[in-house]
């Protein structure tokens, strides 16, 4: 969900984080501004097999 929200160029990170119930800094810890996943995010995806 975070990746999809951030891949939208019109998306505002603060709004996406609020919808997900997390802080903006947490969002950016796992997802880049273009919606691509960062290494910690990839590890979470592997743990949850998503």
C-alpha atoms as a PDB file:
ATOM      1  CA  UNK A   1       0.000   0.000   0.000  1.00  0.00           C
ATOM      2  CA  UNK A   2       2.813   2.393   0.885  1.00  0.00           C
ATOM      3  CA  UNK A   3       4.659   1.612  -2.339  1.00  0.00           C
ATOM      4  CA  UNK A   4       1.553   2.269  -4.432  1.00  0.00           C
ATOM      5  CA  UNK A   5       0.801   5.528  -2.644  1.00  0.00           C
ATOM      6  CA  UNK A   6       4.336   6.828  -3.009  1.00  0.00           C
ATOM      7  CA  UNK A   7       4.584   5.886  -6.687  1.00  0.00           C
ATOM      8  CA  UNK A   8       1.842   8.432  -7.431  1.00  0.00           C
ATOM      9  CA  UNK A   9       3.661  11.687  -8.243  1.00  0.00           C
ATOM     10  CA  UNK A  10       0.761  13.671  -6.813  1.00  0.00           C
ATOM     11  CA  UNK A  11       0.875  11.820  -3.491  1.00  0.00           C
ATOM     12  CA  UNK A  12       1.936  13.631  -0.361  1.00  0.00           C
ATOM     13  CA  UNK A  13       4.068  11.468   1.913  1.00  0.00           C
ATOM     14  CA  UNK A  14       2.483  12.943   5.013  1.00  0.00           C
ATOM     15  CA  UNK A  15      -1.001  11.978   3.793  1.00  0.00           C
ATOM     16  CA  UNK A  16       0.091   8.460   2.840  1.00  0.00           C
ATOM     17  CA  UNK A  17       1.718   7.939   6.235  1.00  0.00           C
ATOM     18  CA  UNK A  18      -1.375   9.199   8.026  1.00  0.00           C
ATOM     19  CA  UNK A  19      -3.606   6.776   6.086  1.00  0.00           C
ATOM     20  CA  UNK A  20      -1.268   3.939   7.056  1.00  0.00           C
ATOM     21  CA  UNK A  21      -1.170   5.005  10.691  1.00  0.00           C
ATOM     22  CA  UNK A  22       2.583   5.613  10.695  1.00  0.00           C
ATOM     23  CA  UNK A  23       4.914   8.596  10.821  1.00  0.00           C
ATOM     24  CA  UNK A  24       6.396  10.042   7.651  1.00  0.00           C
ATOM     25  CA  UNK A  25       9.893   9.133   8.827  1.00  0.00           C
ATOM     26  CA  UNK A  26       8.799   5.513   9.189  1.00  0.00           C
ATOM     27  CA  UNK A  27       7.360   5.549   5.675  1.00  0.00           C
ATOM     28  CA  UNK A  28      10.636   6.849   4.259  1.00  0.00           C
ATOM     29  CA  UNK A  29      12.582   4.232   6.222  1.00  0.00           C
ATOM     30  CA  UNK A  30      10.941   1.519   4.096  1.00  0.00           C
ATOM     31  CA  UNK A  31       9.930   3.218   0.830  1.00  0.00           C
ATOM     32  CA  UNK A  32      11.641   5.760  -1.442  1.00  0.00           C
ATOM     33  CA  UNK A  33       9.827   8.851  -2.645  1.00  0.00           C
ATOM     34  CA  UNK A  34       9.249   7.219  -6.031  1.00  0.00           C
ATOM     35  CA  UNK A  35       7.525   4.196  -4.472  1.00  0.00           C
ATOM     36  CA  UNK A  36      10.438   1.804  -4.817  1.00  0.00           C
ATOM     37  CA  UNK A  37      11.191  -0.313  -1.793  1.00  0.00           C
ATOM     38  CA  UNK A  38      14.298   0.190   0.329  1.00  0.00           C
ATOM     39  CA  UNK A  39      16.282  -2.709   1.827  1.00  0.00           C
ATOM     40  CA  UNK A  40      14.433  -2.691   5.196  1.00  0.00           C
ATOM     41  CA  UNK A  41      11.130  -2.706   3.312  1.00  0.00           C
ATOM     42  CA  UNK A  42      12.269  -5.629   1.189  1.00  0.00           C
ATOM     43  CA  UNK A  43      13.145  -7.564   4.332  1.00  0.00           C
ATOM     44  CA  UNK A  44       9.648  -6.989   5.696  1.00  0.00           C
ATOM     45  CA  UNK A  45       8.110  -8.157   2.442  1.00  0.00           C
ATOM     46  CA  UNK A  46      10.157 -11.335   2.638  1.00  0.00           C
ATOM     47  CA  UNK A  47       9.156 -11.976   6.266  1.00  0.00           C
ATOM     48  CA  UNK A  48       5.466 -11.585   5.414  1.00  0.00           C
ATOM     49  CA  UNK A  49       5.946 -13.234   1.991  1.00  0.00           C
ATOM     50  CA  UNK A  50       4.222 -10.389   0.174  1.00  0.00           C
END
